[in-house]
C-alpha atoms as a PDB file:
ATOM      1  CA  MET A   1       0.066   0.241  -0.177  1.00  0.00           C
ATOM      2  CA  TRP A   2       2.938   2.560   0.877  1.00  0.00           C
ATOM      3  CA  ARG A   3       4.627   1.878  -2.441  1.00  0.00           C
ATOM      4  CA  TRP A   4       1.585   2.632  -4.181  1.00  0.00           C
ATOM      5  CA  LEU A   5       0.983   6.005  -2.105  1.00  0.00           C
ATOM      6  CA  ILE A   6       4.963   6.952  -2.758  1.00  0.00           C
ATOM      7  CA  GLY A   7       4.665   5.698  -6.674  1.00  0.00           C
ATOM      8  CA  ILE A   8       1.576   8.281  -7.028  1.00  0.00           C
ATOM      9  CA  LEU A   9       3.383  11.030  -5.162  1.00  0.00           C
ATOM     10  CA  VAL A  10       6.485  10.702  -7.400  1.00  0.00           C
ATOM     11  CA  VAL A  11       4.140  10.667 -10.348  1.00  0.00           C
ATOM     12  CA  VAL A  12       2.388  13.851  -9.210  1.00  0.00           C
ATOM     13  CA  LEU A  13       5.551  15.574  -8.126  1.00  0.00           C
ATOM     14  CA  VAL A  14       7.173  14.714 -11.494  1.00  0.00           C
ATOM     15  CA  GLY A  15       4.056  15.735 -13.262  1.00  0.00           C
ATOM     16  CA  GLY A  16       3.951  18.964 -11.346  1.00  0.00           C
ATOM     17  CA  MET A  17       7.415  19.851 -12.120  1.00  0.00           C
ATOM     18  CA  TRP A  18       6.976  19.467 -15.635  1.00  0.00           C
ATOM     19  CA  VAL A  19       4.108  21.770 -15.844  1.00  0.00           C
ATOM     20  CA  ALA A  20       6.104  24.318 -13.849  1.00  0.00           C
ATOM     21  CA  GLY A  21       8.943  23.806 -16.448  1.00  0.00           C
ATOM     22  CA  VAL A  22       6.272  24.502 -19.215  1.00  0.00           C
ATOM     23  CA  TYR A  23       5.135  27.433 -17.697  1.00  0.00           C
ATOM     24  CA  ASN A  24       8.496  28.926 -16.703  1.00  0.00           C
ATOM     25  CA  GLY A  25       9.752  28.394 -20.535  1.00  0.00           C
ATOM     26  CA  LEU A  26       6.728  30.214 -21.585  1.00  0.00           C
ATOM     27  CA  VAL A  27       7.241  32.927 -19.110  1.00  0.00           C
ATOM     28  CA  GLY A  28      10.722  33.155 -20.364  1.00  0.00           C
ATOM     29  CA  LEU A  29       9.557  33.249 -24.087  1.00  0.00           C
ATOM     30  CA  ASP A  30       7.030  36.029 -23.120  1.00  0.00           C
ATOM     31  CA  GLN A  31       9.326  37.963 -21.562  1.00  0.00           C
ATOM     32  CA  ASN A  32      11.788  37.907 -24.152  1.00  0.00           C
ATOM     33  CA  VAL A  33       9.248  39.119 -26.314  1.00  0.00           C
ATOM     34  CA  LYS A  34       8.661  41.900 -24.067  1.00  0.00           C
ATOM     35  CA  GLN A  35      12.090  42.727 -23.926  1.00  0.00           C
ATOM     36  CA  TYR A  36      12.918  42.830 -27.328  1.00  0.00           C
ATOM     37  CA  TRP A  37       9.937  45.096 -27.975  1.00  0.00           C
ATOM     38  CA  ALA A  38      11.210  47.315 -25.488  1.00  0.00           C
ATOM     39  CA  GLN A  39      14.490  47.689 -27.487  1.00  0.00           C
ATOM     40  CA  ILE A  40      12.288  48.685 -30.374  1.00  0.00           C
ATOM     41  CA  GLU A  41      10.750  51.513 -28.488  1.00  0.00           C
ATOM     42  CA  ASN A  42      14.039  52.401 -27.088  1.00  0.00           C
ATOM     43  CA  GLN A  43      15.479  53.117 -30.584  1.00  0.00           C
ATOM     44  CA  LEU A  44      12.388  54.905 -31.712  1.00  0.00           C
ATOM     45  CA  GLN A  45      12.475  56.950 -28.889  1.00  0.00           C
ATOM     46  CA  ARG A  46      16.424  57.614 -29.744  1.00  0.00           C
ATOM     47  CA  ARG A  47      14.935  58.589 -33.158  1.00  0.00           C
ATOM     48  CA  TYR A  48      11.913  60.628 -31.649  1.00  0.00           C
ATOM     49  CA  ASP A  49      14.717  62.909 -29.626  1.00  0.00           C
ATOM     50  CA  LEU A  50      16.719  63.494 -32.767  1.00  0.00           C
ATOM     51  CA  ILE A  51      13.986  64.813 -34.928  1.00  0.00           C
ATOM     52  CA  PRO A  52      13.691  68.408 -33.386  1.00  0.00           C
ATOM     53  CA  ASN A  53      17.660  68.949 -33.752  1.00  0.00           C
ATOM     54  CA  LEU A  54      17.428  67.715 -37.621  1.00  0.00           C
ATOM     55  CA  VAL A  55      14.295  69.779 -38.110  1.00  0.00           C
ATOM     56  CA  GLU A  56      15.723  72.924 -36.657  1.00  0.00           C
ATOM     57  CA  THR A  57      18.903  72.428 -38.780  1.00  0.00           C
ATOM     58  CA  VAL A  58      16.983  72.162 -41.863  1.00  0.00           C
ATOM     59  CA  LYS A  59      14.639  75.144 -41.040  1.00  0.00           C
ATOM     60  CA  GLY A  60      17.563  77.359 -41.077  1.00  0.00           C
ATOM     61  CA  TYR A  61      18.220  76.227 -44.822  1.00  0.00           C
ATOM     62  CA  ALA A  62      14.593  75.373 -46.172  1.00  0.00           C
ATOM     63  CA  LYS A  63      12.302  78.013 -44.993  1.00  0.00           C
ATOM     64  CA  HIS A  64       9.788  77.262 -47.962  1.00  0.00           C
ATOM     65  CA  GLU A  65       9.964  73.577 -46.935  1.00  0.00           C
ATOM     66  CA  LYS A  66       7.267  74.516 -44.290  1.00  0.00           C
ATOM     67  CA  GLU A  67       4.753  71.855 -45.025  1.00  0.00           C
ATOM     68  CA  LEU A  68       7.273  69.100 -45.177  1.00  0.00           C
ATOM     69  CA  LEU A  69       8.733  70.226 -41.793  1.00  0.00           C
ATOM     70  CA  GLU A  70       5.369  70.174 -40.250  1.00  0.00           C
ATOM     71  CA  ASN A  71       4.578  66.746 -41.491  1.00  0.00           C
ATOM     72  CA  VAL A  72       7.702  65.324 -39.723  1.00  0.00           C
ATOM     73  CA  THR A  73       6.645  67.198 -36.569  1.00  0.00           C
ATOM     74  CA  ALA A  74       3.021  65.757 -36.732  1.00  0.00           C
ATOM     75  CA  ALA A  75       4.575  62.291 -37.066  1.00  0.00           C
ATOM     76  CA  ARG A  76       6.659  62.535 -34.203  1.00  0.00           C
ATOM     77  CA  SER A  77       3.813  63.964 -32.096  1.00  0.00           C
ATOM     78  CA  ALA A  78       1.751  60.810 -33.492  1.00  0.00           C
ATOM     79  CA  TRP A  79       4.357  58.659 -31.961  1.00  0.00           C
ATOM     80  CA  ALA A  80       4.573  60.413 -28.627  1.00  0.00           C
ATOM     81  CA  GLY A  81       0.772  59.956 -28.298  1.00  0.00           C
ATOM     82  CA  ALA A  82       0.555  56.385 -29.414  1.00  0.00           C
ATOM     83  CA  LYS A  83      -0.600  54.127 -26.652  1.00  0.00           C
ATOM     84  CA  THR A  84      -0.853  50.563 -28.111  1.00  0.00           C
ATOM     85  CA  THR A  85       1.630  48.506 -29.832  1.00  0.00           C
ATOM     86  CA  GLY A  86      -0.226  48.666 -33.027  1.00  0.00           C
ATOM     87  CA  GLU A  87      -0.286  52.725 -32.734  1.00  0.00           C
ATOM     88  CA  LYS A  88       3.385  52.937 -32.407  1.00  0.00           C
ATOM     89  CA  VAL A  89       3.959  50.709 -35.313  1.00  0.00           C
ATOM     90  CA  ALA A  90       1.711  52.816 -37.779  1.00  0.00           C
ATOM     91  CA  ALA A  91       3.434  55.996 -36.046  1.00  0.00           C
ATOM     92  CA  ALA A  92       6.791  54.765 -36.445  1.00  0.00           C
ATOM     93  CA  ASN A  93       6.095  54.071 -40.124  1.00  0.00           C
ATOM     94  CA  GLN A  94       4.863  57.607 -40.532  1.00  0.00           C
ATOM     95  CA  ILE A  95       7.888  59.077 -38.941  1.00  0.00           C
ATOM     96  CA  GLU A  96      10.084  56.766 -41.549  1.00  0.00           C
ATOM     97  CA  GLY A  97       8.187  58.134 -44.478  1.00  0.00           C
ATOM     98  CA  ALA A  98       8.191  61.722 -43.286  1.00  0.00           C
ATOM     99  CA  LEU A  99      12.283  61.590 -42.669  1.00  0.00           C
ATOM    100  CA  GLY A 100      12.501  59.781 -46.108  1.00  0.00           C
ATOM    101  CA  ARG A 101      10.948  63.014 -47.847  1.00  0.00           C
ATOM    102  CA  LEU A 102      13.170  65.185 -45.692  1.00  0.00           C
ATOM    103  CA  MET A 103      16.200  63.638 -46.763  1.00  0.00           C
ATOM    104  CA  VAL A 104      15.028  63.885 -50.445  1.00  0.00           C
ATOM    105  CA  VAL A 105      14.449  67.948 -49.769  1.00  0.00           C
ATOM    106  CA  VAL A 106      17.880  67.943 -48.251  1.00  0.00           C
ATOM    107  CA  GLU A 107      19.415  67.071 -51.592  1.00  0.00           C
ATOM    108  CA  ASN A 108      18.196  70.391 -53.049  1.00  0.00           C
ATOM    109  CA  TYR A 109      20.441  72.174 -50.571  1.00  0.00           C
ATOM    110  CA  PRO A 110      24.345  71.900 -50.937  1.00  0.00           C
ATOM    111  CA  THR A 111      25.126  73.831 -48.296  1.00  0.00           C
ATOM    112  CA  LEU A 112      23.134  72.025 -45.616  1.00  0.00           C
ATOM    113  CA  LYS A 113      24.453  68.943 -46.728  1.00  0.00           C
ATOM    114  CA  ALA A 114      28.035  70.302 -46.052  1.00  0.00           C
ATOM    115  CA  SER A 115      26.740  71.453 -42.977  1.00  0.00           C
ATOM    116  CA  GLU A 116      28.789  69.891 -40.122  1.00  0.00           C
ATOM    117  CA  ASN A 117      25.740  69.717 -37.744  1.00  0.00           C
ATOM    118  CA  PHE A 118      23.270  68.370 -40.212  1.00  0.00           C
ATOM    119  CA  ARG A 119      25.868  65.590 -41.205  1.00  0.00           C
ATOM    120  CA  ALA A 120      26.484  64.726 -37.512  1.00  0.00           C
ATOM    121  CA  LEU A 121      22.527  64.566 -37.123  1.00  0.00           C
ATOM    122  CA  GLN A 122      22.007  62.758 -40.273  1.00  0.00           C
ATOM    123  CA  ASP A 123      24.643  60.317 -39.006  1.00  0.00           C
ATOM    124  CA  GLU A 124      23.053  59.870 -35.722  1.00  0.00           C
ATOM    125  CA  LEU A 125      19.805  59.071 -37.543  1.00  0.00           C
ATOM    126  CA  ALA A 126      21.454  56.622 -39.724  1.00  0.00           C
ATOM    127  CA  GLY A 127      22.733  54.816 -36.796  1.00  0.00           C
ATOM    128  CA  THR A 128      19.439  54.952 -35.049  1.00  0.00           C
ATOM    129  CA  GLU A 129      17.849  53.404 -38.233  1.00  0.00           C
ATOM    130  CA  ASN A 130      20.286  50.719 -38.446  1.00  0.00           C
ATOM    131  CA  ARG A 131      19.741  50.243 -34.611  1.00  0.00           C
ATOM    132  CA  ILE A 132      15.684  50.038 -35.289  1.00  0.00           C
ATOM    133  CA  SER A 133      16.365  47.526 -37.685  1.00  0.00           C
ATOM    134  CA  PHE A 134      18.561  45.163 -35.780  1.00  0.00           C
ATOM    135  CA  ALA A 135      15.982  45.675 -33.041  1.00  0.00           C
ATOM    136  CA  ARG A 136      13.327  44.687 -35.221  1.00  0.00           C
ATOM    137  CA  GLN A 137      15.193  41.739 -36.417  1.00  0.00           C
ATOM    138  CA  ASN A 138      15.625  40.542 -32.790  1.00  0.00           C
ATOM    139  CA  TYR A 139      12.019  40.807 -31.832  1.00  0.00           C
ATOM    140  CA  ASN A 140      10.874  38.933 -35.000  1.00  0.00           C
ATOM    141  CA  GLN A 141      13.358  36.157 -33.926  1.00  0.00           C
ATOM    142  CA  ALA A 142      11.860  36.158 -30.185  1.00  0.00           C
ATOM    143  CA  VAL A 143       8.400  36.086 -31.727  1.00  0.00           C
ATOM    144  CA  GLN A 144       9.308  33.161 -33.910  1.00  0.00           C
ATOM    145  CA  ALA A 145      10.689  31.330 -30.851  1.00  0.00           C
ATOM    146  CA  TYR A 146       7.749  31.915 -28.724  1.00  0.00           C
ATOM    147  CA  ASN A 147       5.018  31.274 -31.520  1.00  0.00           C
ATOM    148  CA  THR A 148       6.967  27.802 -32.014  1.00  0.00           C
ATOM    149  CA  SER A 149       6.852  26.923 -28.313  1.00  0.00           C
ATOM    150  CA  ALA A 150       3.246  27.970 -27.749  1.00  0.00           C
ATOM    151  CA  ARG A 151       2.079  26.184 -31.106  1.00  0.00           C
ATOM    152  CA  SER A 152       3.873  22.919 -29.981  1.00  0.00           C
ATOM    153  CA  VAL A 153       2.736  19.767 -28.382  1.00  0.00           C
ATOM    154  CA  PRO A 154       2.733  20.110 -25.181  1.00  0.00           C
ATOM    155  CA  THR A 155       3.076  23.550 -24.504  1.00  0.00           C
ATOM    156  CA  VAL A 156      -0.161  24.302 -26.802  1.00  0.00           C
ATOM    157  CA  LEU A 157      -2.279  22.399 -24.204  1.00  0.00           C
ATOM    158  CA  PHE A 158      -0.993  24.856 -21.448  1.00  0.00           C
ATOM    159  CA  VAL A 159      -0.880  28.259 -23.093  1.00  0.00           C
ATOM    160  CA  GLY A 160      -4.609  28.932 -22.829  1.00  0.00           C
ATOM    161  CA  LEU A 161      -4.634  27.583 -19.495  1.00  0.00           C
ATOM    162  CA  PHE A 162      -1.720  29.753 -17.954  1.00  0.00           C
ATOM    163  CA  GLY A 163      -3.204  32.851 -19.859  1.00  0.00           C
ATOM    164  CA  PHE A 164      -0.594  33.356 -22.686  1.00  0.00           C
ATOM    165  CA  ASP A 165      -1.123  34.720 -26.056  1.00  0.00           C
ATOM    166  CA  ARG A 166      -1.688  31.760 -28.339  1.00  0.00           C
ATOM    167  CA  GLU A 167       0.313  33.734 -31.148  1.00  0.00           C
ATOM    168  CA  LYS A 168       2.558  36.748 -30.832  1.00  0.00           C
ATOM    169  CA  THR A 169       2.435  39.218 -33.789  1.00  0.00           C
ATOM    170  CA  PHE A 170       5.441  39.864 -35.858  1.00  0.00           C
ATOM    171  CA  PHE A 171       6.692  43.319 -36.685  1.00  0.00           C
ATOM    172  CA  GLN A 172       5.746  43.863 -40.323  1.00  0.00           C
ATOM    173  CA  ALA A 173       6.622  46.852 -42.615  1.00  0.00           C
ATOM    174  CA  VAL A 174       4.267  49.045 -44.188  1.00  0.00           C
ATOM    175  CA  LYS A 175       2.755  47.936 -47.724  1.00  0.00           C
ATOM    176  CA  GLU A 176       4.925  50.611 -49.387  1.00  0.00           C
ATOM    177  CA  ALA A 177       7.973  49.015 -48.575  1.00  0.00           C
ATOM    178  CA  GLN A 178       7.351  45.881 -50.552  1.00  0.00           C
ATOM    179  CA  SER A 179       8.329  47.967 -54.073  1.00  0.00           C
ATOM    180  CA  ALA A 180      11.474  48.894 -54.874  1.00  0.00           C
ATOM    181  CA  PRO A 181      11.967  52.752 -54.533  1.00  0.00           C
ATOM    182  CA  LYS A 182      12.685  54.478 -58.170  1.00  0.00           C
ATOM    183  CA  VAL A 183      15.579  56.476 -58.158  1.00  0.00           C
ATOM    184  CA  LYS A 184      15.914  59.108 -60.874  1.00  0.00           C
ATOM    185  CA  PHE A 185      18.723  61.091 -61.596  1.00  0.00           C
END
């Protein structure tokens, strides 16, 4: 009788530790996704902080480009007011488009391109864009690891039970990014 009781107790303990391991694995993967999203937000904040300096530098050279500068500022404000992940992604994409148009305008001002302040800001912005790209790549890898685990047996049986998302959303590019830009000289 005691052997049966001890056997049942061992099975329950081993099963409980296994379930705890599955839970802890999901927690780790979930936190990894959140950490990588935080890195994206960190770099987006860096870009957000650089934009006023870039805009002020361009303003001095391109006074008649007021509408474009207002669009860049509006995109920056949209990111500042974004609350959800979806809103932040949309605002970040809006900033990217506005900054791209700003860089095209800069080509019309050779003295601006030669300005040491502008070049330093442009280098900072380019470095930030590279960091954002890298952070997005890491985020998508973390999402892939989470989604693979969450959809694999036996973890899939516990995802809903423990209150985890069945699937995390990948960071996706805007539709316009799927076409190659046309360069005209």
